[in-house]
Protein backbone atom coordinates (compact mmCIF):
# COMPACT_ATOMS: atom_id res chain seq x y z
CA MET A 1 -22.00 18.24 61.46
CA THR A 2 -20.47 21.36 62.36
CA GLY A 3 -19.01 23.31 59.66
CA ALA A 4 -16.51 26.20 59.78
CA ARG A 5 -18.16 29.61 59.75
CA ARG A 6 -16.78 32.48 58.03
CA GLN A 7 -15.95 35.24 60.43
CA ARG A 8 -16.98 38.67 59.19
CA GLN A 9 -14.03 41.07 59.50
CA PRO A 10 -14.88 43.47 62.36
CA GLU A 11 -15.55 47.01 61.11
CA SER A 12 -13.25 49.85 62.34
CA ALA A 13 -14.27 51.23 65.59
CA THR A 14 -14.15 54.70 63.79
CA ALA A 15 -15.99 53.60 60.46
CA GLU A 16 -19.11 55.61 61.20
CA ARG A 17 -16.81 58.83 61.91
CA GLU A 18 -14.55 58.37 58.69
CA VAL A 19 -14.22 59.59 55.33
CA VAL A 20 -11.65 57.80 53.19
CA ILE A 21 -10.60 59.19 49.84
CA SER A 22 -7.85 57.71 47.55
CA ARG A 23 -6.13 58.34 44.24
CA VAL A 24 -3.25 57.10 42.17
CA ILE A 25 -0.85 59.96 41.15
CA ASP A 26 1.64 59.48 38.35
CA ALA A 27 4.72 60.35 40.35
CA PRO A 28 6.92 58.57 42.83
CA PRO A 29 6.05 58.55 46.52
CA GLU A 30 9.16 60.85 47.41
CA LEU A 31 7.68 63.64 45.16
CA VAL A 32 4.18 63.25 46.22
CA PHE A 33 5.24 63.29 49.82
CA GLU A 34 7.52 66.49 49.28
CA ALA A 35 4.40 68.29 47.84
CA PHE A 36 2.87 67.93 51.35
CA THR A 37 6.20 68.93 53.25
CA GLN A 38 6.92 72.34 51.88
CA VAL A 39 4.94 75.32 51.89
CA ARG A 40 6.09 76.50 48.56
CA HIS A 41 4.35 73.42 47.02
CA LEU A 42 1.33 73.38 49.33
CA SER A 43 0.44 77.07 48.39
CA ARG A 44 0.28 76.01 44.66
CA TRP A 45 -2.21 73.10 45.00
CA TRP A 46 -3.83 72.74 48.48
CA GLY A 47 -7.75 72.78 48.36
CA PRO A 48 -10.51 72.11 46.03
CA GLU A 49 -10.73 73.59 42.54
CA GLY A 50 -11.03 77.37 42.71
CA PHE A 51 -9.70 77.74 46.21
CA THR A 52 -6.37 79.50 47.09
CA THR A 53 -4.45 79.45 50.29
CA THR A 54 -2.57 81.87 52.21
CA THR A 55 -0.07 80.61 54.74
CA ARG A 56 0.45 82.71 58.04
CA PHE A 57 2.91 80.07 59.75
CA PHE A 58 4.25 76.66 58.57
CA GLU A 59 6.70 74.36 60.27
CA PHE A 60 6.62 70.84 59.06
CA ARG A 61 7.79 68.68 61.86
CA GLU A 62 6.15 66.46 64.32
CA GLY A 63 4.34 68.96 66.84
CA GLY A 64 4.77 71.78 64.18
CA VAL A 65 1.74 73.71 62.86
CA TRP A 66 0.43 75.09 59.52
CA ASP A 67 -1.70 78.18 60.12
CA PHE A 68 -3.49 79.17 56.96
CA MET A 69 -6.47 80.78 55.22
CA MET A 70 -8.35 79.17 52.37
CA HIS A 71 -10.05 81.39 49.99
CA GLY A 72 -13.21 80.24 48.42
CA PRO A 73 -14.06 80.94 44.82
CA ASP A 74 -16.98 83.10 46.08
CA GLY A 75 -14.65 85.13 48.23
CA THR A 76 -15.39 83.46 51.62
CA ASP A 77 -12.30 82.99 53.86
CA TYR A 78 -11.92 79.81 56.03
CA PRO A 79 -9.39 79.83 58.84
CA GLU A 80 -7.58 76.61 59.04
CA TRP A 81 -4.96 75.16 61.38
CA ILE A 82 -3.11 71.78 61.22
CA THR A 83 -0.84 70.28 63.88
CA TRP A 84 1.51 67.47 62.39
CA THR A 85 1.34 64.49 64.77
CA GLU A 86 3.27 61.91 62.96
CA ILE A 87 5.68 62.14 59.84
CA VAL A 88 7.26 59.01 58.49
CA PRO A 89 8.97 60.09 55.17
CA PRO A 90 7.99 59.09 52.37
CA GLU A 91 5.08 56.79 53.83
CA ARG A 92 2.68 58.59 56.17
CA ILE A 93 1.69 61.88 57.66
CA ALA A 94 -0.62 62.18 60.37
CA LEU A 95 -2.36 65.46 61.33
CA LEU A 96 -4.95 67.13 63.49
CA HIS A 97 -7.02 69.73 61.51
CA GLY A 98 -9.30 72.51 62.54
CA GLU A 99 -10.24 76.16 62.38
CA SER A 100 -7.79 77.01 65.20
CA ARG A 101 -5.52 75.49 67.73
CA ASP A 102 -8.22 74.77 70.27
CA ASP A 103 -11.07 73.93 67.95
CA PRO A 104 -13.14 71.36 69.74
CA ASN A 105 -14.28 69.88 66.45
CA SER A 106 -10.94 69.23 64.98
CA PHE A 107 -10.53 66.06 63.04
CA GLU A 108 -7.67 63.64 62.50
CA SER A 109 -6.36 62.72 59.16
CA THR A 110 -3.69 60.29 58.08
CA LEU A 111 -2.29 60.29 54.58
CA ALA A 112 -0.56 57.10 53.20
CA PHE A 113 1.86 57.19 50.34
CA THR A 114 2.19 53.74 48.75
CA PRO A 115 4.14 52.98 45.62
CA HIS A 116 1.61 51.87 42.81
CA GLY A 117 3.59 50.94 39.64
CA THR A 118 5.55 54.03 38.74
CA GLY A 119 3.29 56.21 40.59
CA THR A 120 1.91 56.58 44.13
CA GLN A 121 -1.39 55.62 45.74
CA ILE A 122 -2.36 58.18 48.33
CA VAL A 123 -4.97 57.25 50.70
CA MET A 124 -6.31 60.07 52.92
CA ARG A 125 -8.34 58.72 56.03
CA THR A 126 -10.14 61.36 58.10
CA VAL A 127 -11.72 60.59 61.37
CA PHE A 128 -14.28 63.06 62.90
CA PRO A 129 -15.02 63.32 66.55
CA THR A 130 -18.52 62.41 66.13
CA LYS A 131 -20.52 60.77 63.48
CA GLN A 132 -22.86 64.00 63.52
CA LEU A 133 -19.87 66.15 62.60
CA ARG A 134 -18.75 63.67 59.79
CA ASP A 135 -22.33 63.69 58.35
CA GLU A 136 -22.36 67.55 58.51
CA ALA A 137 -19.04 67.84 56.77
CA VAL A 138 -20.10 65.49 54.14
CA GLU A 139 -23.73 67.13 53.65
CA LYS A 140 -22.80 70.87 54.33
CA TYR A 141 -19.12 71.19 53.27
CA HIS A 142 -19.10 68.34 50.67
CA VAL A 143 -15.81 67.13 51.99
CA ILE A 144 -15.83 64.01 49.89
CA GLU A 145 -16.06 65.93 46.64
CA GLY A 146 -13.58 68.66 48.00
CA GLY A 147 -11.19 65.79 49.09
CA LYS A 148 -11.36 64.16 45.61
CA GLN A 149 -10.72 67.73 43.93
CA THR A 150 -7.84 68.42 46.31
CA LEU A 151 -6.07 65.16 45.32
CA ASN A 152 -6.99 66.13 41.64
CA CYS A 153 -5.13 69.44 42.27
CA LEU A 154 -2.23 67.69 43.93
CA ALA A 155 -2.04 65.25 40.76
CA ALA A 156 -2.10 68.16 38.21
CA TYR A 157 0.52 70.11 40.40
CA VAL A 158 3.04 67.08 40.62
CA ALA A 159 2.55 66.43 36.94
CA GLU A 160 3.52 70.02 36.27
CA ILE A 161 6.71 69.88 38.41
CA ALA A 162 7.60 66.26 37.91
CA PRO A 163 9.79 66.83 34.73
CA THR A 164 12.01 69.41 36.58
CA ALA A 165 12.02 68.01 40.14
CA PRO A 166 15.05 66.41 41.18
CA ILE A 167 14.44 63.21 42.78
CA THR A 168 17.45 61.54 44.83
CA VAL A 169 17.98 58.06 44.50
CA GLU A 170 20.49 56.23 46.97
CA LYS A 171 22.62 53.52 45.39
CA GLU A 172 23.58 50.50 47.21
CA GLY A 173 27.04 49.09 47.04
CA PRO A 174 30.18 50.45 45.56
């Protein structure tokens, strides 16, 4: 007798190079997405707890860049460069992130914004060029904890602006 075998779902081809962090934020996707699209917002929340950001150049469009410096709580400066590779408002942002335009160790990130009740689930999926670079980022730079803290900073910022932020809702019909 031959029985049906359960097929295991194949792992992502990039699983060993990925870091995935998610969080539900108590605000609609449009507002959470907006917090990623305007430098006036990003400058107020981007980065782990205790970090600040100074923007040198910002252009939010596919192919546009965000050139900025993150300042750590210990006074260390971290040069950062993001190139936006895909923008689908208010659902998805994909980007390439490194220390500079030509950083050979740049990594790809995708942010997905999904309605979750009255809030938004944000999933941040980062794929490093190699497993070794992913492991180094996790162990040396604590990217998992830093990513969680960054999304916590986003949630706190959005909660702060949500009562005053205008949200445009299109009506259907007459």
